[in-house]
């Protein structure tokens, strides 16, 4: 499993993920309200997704699935 993970990191060029620019972030956030909200009592980041307020049509007009996945990969890499 670790070998698959390591290969995925190479295939997706994860070590250079911070060079990825998600210019459509403002429109994306309007269609899909989400983000970090401070930390809990133990210092862990609190991430909130307002799933009930997603505008799916606007979401796919804003960006492609590949770009959205790359955006989330960057967020998760930052969180680590």
PDB file of N, CA and C in Angstrom:
ATOM      1  N   UNK A   1       0.828  -1.177   0.000  1.00  0.00           N
ATOM      2  CA  UNK A   1       0.000   0.000   0.000  1.00  0.00           C
ATOM      3  C   UNK A   1       0.885   1.258   0.000  1.00  0.00           C
ATOM      4  N   UNK A   2       1.957   1.224   0.769  1.00  0.00           N
ATOM      5  CA  UNK A   2       2.848   2.383   0.817  1.00  0.00           C
ATOM      6  C   UNK A   2       3.498   2.637  -0.542  1.00  0.00           C
ATOM      7  N   UNK A   3       3.877   1.556  -1.235  1.00  0.00           N
ATOM      8  CA  UNK A   3       4.473   1.713  -2.561  1.00  0.00           C
ATOM      9  C   UNK A   3       3.491   2.380  -3.517  1.00  0.00           C
ATOM     10  N   UNK A   4       2.211   2.002  -3.438  1.00  0.00           N
ATOM     11  CA  UNK A   4       1.185   2.633  -4.275  1.00  0.00           C
ATOM     12  C   UNK A   4       1.046   4.109  -3.948  1.00  0.00           C
ATOM     13  N   UNK A   5       1.075   4.418  -2.660  1.00  0.00           N
ATOM     14  CA  UNK A   5       0.989   5.811  -2.218  1.00  0.00           C
ATOM     15  C   UNK A   5       2.186   6.615  -2.722  1.00  0.00           C
ATOM     16  N   UNK A   6       3.369   6.059  -2.580  1.00  0.00           N
ATOM     17  CA  UNK A   6       4.579   6.747  -3.035  1.00  0.00           C
ATOM     18  C   UNK A   6       4.544   6.961  -4.544  1.00  0.00           C
ATOM     19  N   UNK A   7       4.058   5.973  -5.279  1.00  0.00           N
ATOM     20  CA  UNK A   7       3.963   6.119  -6.738  1.00  0.00           C
ATOM     21  C   UNK A   7       2.928   7.171  -7.113  1.00  0.00           C
ATOM     22  N   UNK A   8       1.808   7.209  -6.394  1.00  0.00           N
ATOM     23  CA  UNK A   8       0.777   8.224  -6.644  1.00  0.00           C
ATOM     24  C   UNK A   8       1.353   9.619  -6.440  1.00  0.00           C
ATOM     25  N   UNK A   9       2.150   9.795  -5.382  1.00  0.00           N
ATOM     26  CA  UNK A   9       2.776  11.100  -5.128  1.00  0.00           C
ATOM     27  C   UNK A   9       3.682  11.507  -6.280  1.00  0.00           C
ATOM     28  N   UNK A  10       4.392  10.543  -6.850  1.00  0.00           N
ATOM     29  CA  UNK A  10       5.257  10.833  -7.993  1.00  0.00           C
ATOM     30  C   UNK A  10       4.417  11.141  -9.228  1.00  0.00           C
ATOM     31  N   UNK A  11       3.418  10.293  -9.508  1.00  0.00           N
ATOM     32  CA  UNK A  11       2.573  10.468 -10.695  1.00  0.00           C
ATOM     33  C   UNK A  11       1.833  11.804 -10.687  1.00  0.00           C
ATOM     34  N   UNK A  12       1.367  12.218  -9.516  1.00  0.00           N
ATOM     35  CA  UNK A  12       0.595  13.454  -9.397  1.00  0.00           C
ATOM     36  C   UNK A  12       1.459  14.673  -9.091  1.00  0.00           C
ATOM     37  N   UNK A  13       2.765  14.476  -8.978  1.00  0.00           N
ATOM     38  CA  UNK A  13       3.724  15.552  -8.713  1.00  0.00           C
ATOM     39  C   UNK A  13       3.343  16.330  -7.446  1.00  0.00           C
ATOM     40  N   UNK A  14       3.047  15.595  -6.393  1.00  0.00           N
ATOM     41  CA  UNK A  14       2.576  16.175  -5.137  1.00  0.00           C
ATOM     42  C   UNK A  14       3.637  17.065  -4.484  1.00  0.00           C
ATOM     43  N   UNK A  15       4.901  16.767  -4.679  1.00  0.00           N
ATOM     44  CA  UNK A  15       5.944  17.590  -4.073  1.00  0.00           C
ATOM     45  C   UNK A  15       5.954  19.017  -4.610  1.00  0.00           C
ATOM     46  N   UNK A  16       5.309  19.239  -5.750  1.00  0.00           N
ATOM     47  CA  UNK A  16       5.219  20.580  -6.335  1.00  0.00           C
ATOM     48  C   UNK A  16       3.787  21.113  -6.323  1.00  0.00           C
ATOM     49  N   UNK A  17       2.959  20.585  -5.431  1.00  0.00           N
ATOM     50  CA  UNK A  17       1.537  20.949  -5.399  1.00  0.00           C
ATOM     51  C   UNK A  17       1.321  22.432  -5.095  1.00  0.00           C
ATOM     52  N   UNK A  18       2.255  23.064  -4.406  1.00  0.00           N
ATOM     53  CA  UNK A  18       2.070  24.474  -4.042  1.00  0.00           C
ATOM     54  C   UNK A  18       2.233  25.407  -5.229  1.00  0.00           C
ATOM     55  N   UNK A  19       2.739  24.895  -6.334  1.00  0.00           N
ATOM     56  CA  UNK A  19       2.836  25.691  -7.548  1.00  0.00           C
ATOM     57  C   UNK A  19       1.498  25.753  -8.273  1.00  0.00           C
ATOM     58  N   UNK A  20       0.555  24.880  -7.885  1.00  0.00           N
ATOM     59  CA  UNK A  20      -0.772  24.855  -8.496  1.00  0.00           C
ATOM     60  C   UNK A  20      -1.551  26.094  -8.081  1.00  0.00           C
ATOM     61  N   UNK A  21      -2.079  26.803  -9.058  1.00  0.00           N
ATOM     62  CA  UNK A  21      -2.844  28.020  -8.792  1.00  0.00           C
ATOM     63  C   UNK A  21      -4.315  27.761  -9.109  1.00  0.00           C
ATOM     64  N   UNK A  22      -5.162  27.907  -8.116  1.00  0.00           N
ATOM     65  CA  UNK A  22      -6.601  27.695  -8.284  1.00  0.00           C
ATOM     66  C   UNK A  22      -7.270  29.062  -8.388  1.00  0.00           C
ATOM     67  N   UNK A  23      -7.159  29.676  -9.557  1.00  0.00           N
ATOM     68  CA  UNK A  23      -7.620  31.047  -9.764  1.00  0.00           C
ATOM     69  C   UNK A  23      -9.129  31.208  -9.606  1.00  0.00           C
ATOM     70  N   UNK A  24      -9.877  30.142  -9.785  1.00  0.00           N
ATOM     71  CA  UNK A  24     -11.334  30.214  -9.697  1.00  0.00           C
ATOM     72  C   UNK A  24     -11.847  30.018  -8.268  1.00  0.00           C
ATOM     73  N   UNK A  25     -10.961  30.174  -7.279  1.00  0.00           N
ATOM     74  CA  UNK A  25     -11.315  29.912  -5.882  1.00  0.00           C
ATOM     75  C   UNK A  25     -12.527  30.715  -5.410  1.00  0.00           C
ATOM     76  N   UNK A  26     -12.602  31.998  -5.715  1.00  0.00           N
ATOM     77  CA  UNK A  26     -13.715  32.820  -5.210  1.00  0.00           C
ATOM     78  C   UNK A  26     -15.060  32.322  -5.739  1.00  0.00           C
ATOM     79  N   UNK A  27     -15.143  32.016  -7.021  1.00  0.00           N
ATOM     80  CA  UNK A  27     -16.390  31.508  -7.590  1.00  0.00           C
ATOM     81  C   UNK A  27     -16.690  30.101  -7.062  1.00  0.00           C
ATOM     82  N   UNK A  28     -15.633  29.303  -6.897  1.00  0.00           N
ATOM     83  CA  UNK A  28     -15.778  27.950  -6.370  1.00  0.00           C
ATOM     84  C   UNK A  28     -16.343  27.988  -4.958  1.00  0.00           C
ATOM     85  N   UNK A  29     -15.837  28.888  -4.152  1.00  0.00           N
ATOM     86  CA  UNK A  29     -16.279  28.992  -2.760  1.00  0.00           C
ATOM     87  C   UNK A  29     -17.737  29.456  -2.665  1.00  0.00           C
ATOM     88  N   UNK A  30     -18.181  30.291  -3.600  1.00  0.00           N
ATOM     89  CA  UNK A  30     -19.585  30.701  -3.616  1.00  0.00           C
ATOM     90  C   UNK A  30     -20.497  29.513  -3.927  1.00  0.00           C
ATOM     91  N   UNK A  31     -20.056  28.637  -4.821  1.00  0.00           N
ATOM     92  CA  UNK A  31     -20.856  27.469  -5.198  1.00  0.00           C
ATOM     93  C   UNK A  31     -20.743  26.350  -4.174  1.00  0.00           C
ATOM     94  N   UNK A  32     -19.647  26.346  -3.410  1.00  0.00           N
ATOM     95  CA  UNK A  32     -19.395  25.268  -2.450  1.00  0.00           C
ATOM     96  C   UNK A  32     -18.789  25.856  -1.185  1.00  0.00           C
ATOM     97  N   UNK A  33     -19.632  26.329  -0.255  1.00  0.00           N
ATOM     98  CA  UNK A  33     -19.111  26.937   0.965  1.00  0.00           C
ATOM     99  C   UNK A  33     -18.373  25.923   1.835  1.00  0.00           C
ATOM    100  N   UNK A  34     -17.104  26.206   2.102  1.00  0.00           N
ATOM    101  CA  UNK A  34     -16.267  25.309   2.890  1.00  0.00           C
ATOM    102  C   UNK A  34     -15.052  26.071   3.388  1.00  0.00           C
ATOM    103  N   UNK A  35     -14.385  25.512   4.351  1.00  0.00           N
ATOM    104  CA  UNK A  35     -13.139  26.110   4.802  1.00  0.00           C
ATOM    105  C   UNK A  35     -12.805  25.757   6.237  1.00  0.00           C
ATOM    106  N   UNK A  36     -11.629  26.180   6.640  1.00  0.00           N
ATOM    107  CA  UNK A  36     -11.178  25.960   8.003  1.00  0.00           C
ATOM    108  C   UNK A  36     -11.729  27.053   8.903  1.00  0.00           C
ATOM    109  N   UNK A  37     -12.077  26.671  10.134  1.00  0.00           N
ATOM    110  CA  UNK A  37     -12.621  27.618  11.099  1.00  0.00           C
ATOM    111  C   UNK A  37     -11.888  27.440  12.424  1.00  0.00           C
ATOM    112  N   UNK A  38     -10.851  28.185  12.599  1.00  0.00           N
ATOM    113  CA  UNK A  38     -10.068  28.173  13.833  1.00  0.00           C
ATOM    114  C   UNK A  38      -9.578  26.763  14.183  1.00  0.00           C
ATOM    115  N   UNK A  39      -9.430  26.484  15.471  1.00  0.00           N
ATOM    116  CA  UNK A  39      -8.979  25.168  15.933  1.00  0.00           C
ATOM    117  C   UNK A  39      -9.824  24.727  17.119  1.00  0.00           C
ATOM    118  N   UNK A  40      -9.772  23.417  17.412  1.00  0.00           N
ATOM    119  CA  UNK A  40     -10.488  22.925  18.582  1.00  0.00           C
ATOM    120  C   UNK A  40      -9.637  23.153  19.831  1.00  0.00           C
ATOM    121  N   UNK A  41     -10.087  22.663  20.973  1.00  0.00           N
ATOM    122  CA  UNK A  41      -9.386  22.902  22.242  1.00  0.00           C
ATOM    123  C   UNK A  41      -7.991  22.281  22.289  1.00  0.00           C
ATOM    124  N   UNK A  42      -7.763  21.304  21.444  1.00  0.00           N
ATOM    125  CA  UNK A  42      -6.457  20.653  21.432  1.00  0.00           C
ATOM    126  C   UNK A  42      -5.572  21.166  20.298  1.00  0.00           C
ATOM    127  N   UNK A  43      -6.007  22.219  19.620  1.00  0.00           N
ATOM    128  CA  UNK A  43      -5.187  22.845  18.590  1.00  0.00           C
ATOM    129  C   UNK A  43      -5.325  22.259  17.199  1.00  0.00           C
ATOM    130  N   UNK A  44      -6.250  21.343  17.001  1.00  0.00           N
ATOM    131  CA  UNK A  44      -6.445  20.743  15.675  1.00  0.00           C
ATOM    132  C   UNK A  44      -7.340  21.637  14.832  1.00  0.00           C
ATOM    133  N   UNK A  45      -7.035  21.789  13.545  1.00  0.00           N
ATOM    134  CA  UNK A  45      -7.866  22.639  12.692  1.00  0.00           C
ATOM    135  C   UNK A  45      -9.266  22.052  12.524  1.00  0.00           C
ATOM    136  N   UNK A  46     -10.265  22.924  12.510  1.00  0.00           N
ATOM    137  CA  UNK A  46     -11.654  22.520  12.310  1.00  0.00           C
ATOM    138  C   UNK A  46     -12.029  22.880  10.882  1.00  0.00           C
ATOM    139  N   UNK A  47     -12.445  21.885  10.112  1.00  0.00           N
ATOM    140  CA  UNK A  47     -12.804  22.068   8.714  1.00  0.00           C
ATOM    141  C   UNK A  47     -14.308  21.878   8.575  1.00  0.00           C
ATOM    142  N   UNK A  48     -14.974  22.841   7.952  1.00  0.00           N
ATOM    143  CA  UNK A  48     -16.431  22.801   7.813  1.00  0.00           C
ATOM    144  C   UNK A  48     -16.787  22.821   6.337  1.00  0.00           C
ATOM    145  N   UNK A  49     -17.679  21.917   5.940  1.00  0.00           N
ATOM    146  CA  UNK A  49     -18.255  21.912   4.600  1.00  0.00           C
ATOM    147  C   UNK A  49     -19.760  22.075   4.751  1.00  0.00           C
ATOM    148  N   UNK A  50     -20.312  23.057   4.084  1.00  0.00           N
ATOM    149  CA  UNK A  50     -21.762  23.284   4.144  1.00  0.00           C
ATOM    150  C   UNK A  50     -22.398  22.588   2.949  1.00  0.00           C
ATOM    151  N   UNK A  51     -22.451  21.280   3.040  1.00  0.00           N
ATOM    152  CA  UNK A  51     -22.852  20.427   1.928  1.00  0.00           C
ATOM    153  C   UNK A  51     -24.269  20.742   1.440  1.00  0.00           C
ATOM    154  N   UNK A  52     -25.147  21.093   2.336  1.00  0.00           N
ATOM    155  CA  UNK A  52     -26.522  21.402   1.954  1.00  0.00           C
ATOM    156  C   UNK A  52     -26.651  22.656   1.118  1.00  0.00           C
ATOM    157  N   UNK A  53     -25.617  23.456   1.049  1.00  0.00           N
ATOM    158  CA  UNK A  53     -25.672  24.707   0.293  1.00  0.00           C
ATOM    159  C   UNK A  53     -24.886  24.650  -1.019  1.00  0.00           C
ATOM    160  N   UNK A  54     -24.447  23.461  -1.426  1.00  0.00           N
ATOM    161  CA  UNK A  54     -23.689  23.334  -2.671  1.00  0.00           C
ATOM    162  C   UNK A  54     -24.608  23.561  -3.861  1.00  0.00           C
ATOM    163  N   UNK A  55     -24.148  24.379  -4.791  1.00  0.00           N
ATOM    164  CA  UNK A  55     -24.830  24.589  -6.066  1.00  0.00           C
ATOM    165  C   UNK A  55     -24.027  23.801  -7.105  1.00  0.00           C
ATOM    166  N   UNK A  56     -24.454  22.569  -7.353  1.00  0.00           N
ATOM    167  CA  UNK A  56     -23.688  21.648  -8.190  1.00  0.00           C
ATOM    168  C   UNK A  56     -23.510  22.187  -9.603  1.00  0.00           C
ATOM    169  N   UNK A  57     -24.563  22.752 -10.180  1.00  0.00           N
ATOM    170  CA  UNK A  57     -24.447  23.290 -11.541  1.00  0.00           C
ATOM    171  C   UNK A  57     -23.403  24.396 -11.609  1.00  0.00           C
ATOM    172  N   UNK A  58     -23.453  25.321 -10.670  1.00  0.00           N
ATOM    173  CA  UNK A  58     -22.474  26.412 -10.643  1.00  0.00           C
ATOM    174  C   UNK A  58     -21.076  25.884 -10.358  1.00  0.00           C
ATOM    175  N   UNK A  59     -20.987  24.856  -9.560  1.00  0.00           N
ATOM    176  CA  UNK A  59     -19.698  24.260  -9.218  1.00  0.00           C
ATOM    177  C   UNK A  59     -18.989  23.747 -10.468  1.00  0.00           C
ATOM    178  N   UNK A  60     -19.715  23.017 -11.303  1.00  0.00           N
ATOM    179  CA  UNK A  60     -19.106  22.472 -12.511  1.00  0.00           C
ATOM    180  C   UNK A  60     -18.934  23.511 -13.612  1.00  0.00           C
ATOM    181  N   UNK A  61     -19.639  24.624 -13.526  1.00  0.00           N
ATOM    182  CA  UNK A  61     -19.382  25.735 -14.451  1.00  0.00           C
ATOM    183  C   UNK A  61     -18.113  26.474 -14.058  1.00  0.00           C
ATOM    184  N   UNK A  62     -17.794  26.430 -12.781  1.00  0.00           N
ATOM    185  CA  UNK A  62     -16.642  27.151 -12.244  1.00  0.00           C
ATOM    186  C   UNK A  62     -15.323  26.457 -12.555  1.00  0.00           C
ATOM    187  N   UNK A  63     -15.297  25.127 -12.434  1.00  0.00           N
ATOM    188  CA  UNK A  63     -14.033  24.400 -12.559  1.00  0.00           C
ATOM    189  C   UNK A  63     -14.282  22.977 -13.040  1.00  0.00           C
ATOM    190  N   UNK A  64     -13.210  22.308 -13.446  1.00  0.00           N
ATOM    191  CA  UNK A  64     -13.314  20.910 -13.859  1.00  0.00           C
ATOM    192  C   UNK A  64     -13.056  20.001 -12.652  1.00  0.00           C
ATOM    193  N   UNK A  65     -13.456  18.763 -12.769  1.00  0.00           N
ATOM    194  CA  UNK A  65     -13.254  17.804 -11.688  1.00  0.00           C
ATOM    195  C   UNK A  65     -11.767  17.620 -11.393  1.00  0.00           C
ATOM    196  N   UNK A  66     -10.945  17.560 -12.427  1.00  0.00           N
ATOM    197  CA  UNK A  66      -9.504  17.399 -12.217  1.00  0.00           C
ATOM    198  C   UNK A  66      -8.904  18.554 -11.427  1.00  0.00           C
ATOM    199  N   UNK A  67      -9.313  19.776 -11.740  1.00  0.00           N
ATOM    200  CA  UNK A  67      -8.798  20.946 -11.023  1.00  0.00           C
ATOM    201  C   UNK A  67      -9.302  20.964  -9.586  1.00  0.00           C
ATOM    202  N   UNK A  68     -10.555  20.552  -9.365  1.00  0.00           N
ATOM    203  CA  UNK A  68     -11.094  20.498  -8.005  1.00  0.00           C
ATOM    204  C   UNK A  68     -10.319  19.480  -7.165  1.00  0.00           C
ATOM    205  N   UNK A  69     -10.027  18.324  -7.737  1.00  0.00           N
ATOM    206  CA  UNK A  69      -9.266  17.307  -7.005  1.00  0.00           C
ATOM    207  C   UNK A  69      -7.862  17.805  -6.690  1.00  0.00           C
ATOM    208  N   UNK A  70      -7.257  18.512  -7.621  1.00  0.00           N
ATOM    209  CA  UNK A  70      -5.915  19.062  -7.386  1.00  0.00           C
ATOM    210  C   UNK A  70      -5.965  20.103  -6.265  1.00  0.00           C
ATOM    211  N   UNK A  71      -7.021  20.919  -6.261  1.00  0.00           N
ATOM    212  CA  UNK A  71      -7.219  21.920  -5.206  1.00  0.00           C
ATOM    213  C   UNK A  71      -7.326  21.240  -3.834  1.00  0.00           C
ATOM    214  N   UNK A  72      -8.147  20.190  -3.748  1.00  0.00           N
ATOM    215  CA  UNK A  72      -8.308  19.494  -2.471  1.00  0.00           C
ATOM    216  C   UNK A  72      -7.033  18.769  -2.056  1.00  0.00           C
ATOM    217  N   UNK A  73      -6.304  18.238  -3.011  1.00  0.00           N
ATOM    218  CA  UNK A  73      -5.024  17.611  -2.688  1.00  0.00           C
ATOM    219  C   UNK A  73      -4.092  18.633  -2.062  1.00  0.00           C
ATOM    220  N   UNK A  74      -4.094  19.849  -2.590  1.00  0.00           N
ATOM    221  CA  UNK A  74      -3.253  20.913  -2.042  1.00  0.00           C
ATOM    222  C   UNK A  74      -3.682  21.274  -0.625  1.00  0.00           C
ATOM    223  N   UNK A  75      -4.974  21.342  -0.385  1.00  0.00           N
ATOM    224  CA  UNK A  75      -5.478  21.643   0.965  1.00  0.00           C
ATOM    225  C   UNK A  75      -5.048  20.556   1.951  1.00  0.00           C
ATOM    226  N   UNK A  76      -5.229  19.293   1.561  1.00  0.00           N
ATOM    227  CA  UNK A  76      -4.886  18.194   2.463  1.00  0.00           C
ATOM    228  C   UNK A  76      -3.393  18.137   2.704  1.00  0.00           C
ATOM    229  N   UNK A  77      -2.610  18.419   1.685  1.00  0.00           N
ATOM    230  CA  UNK A  77      -1.152  18.427   1.855  1.00  0.00           C
ATOM    231  C   UNK A  77      -0.745  19.549   2.817  1.00  0.00           C
ATOM    232  N   UNK A  78      -1.412  20.678   2.729  1.00  0.00           N
ATOM    233  CA  UNK A  78      -1.136  21.798   3.635  1.00  0.00           C
ATOM    234  C   UNK A  78      -1.506  21.422   5.075  1.00  0.00           C
ATOM    235  N   UNK A  79      -2.624  20.731   5.242  1.00  0.00           N
ATOM    236  CA  UNK A  79      -3.076  20.342   6.564  1.00  0.00           C
ATOM    237  C   UNK A  79      -2.096  19.375   7.229  1.00  0.00           C
ATOM    238  N   UNK A  80      -1.506  18.481   6.430  1.00  0.00           N
ATOM    239  CA  UNK A  80      -0.533  17.548   6.986  1.00  0.00           C
ATOM    240  C   UNK A  80       0.670  18.286   7.519  1.00  0.00           C
TER     241      UNK A  80
END
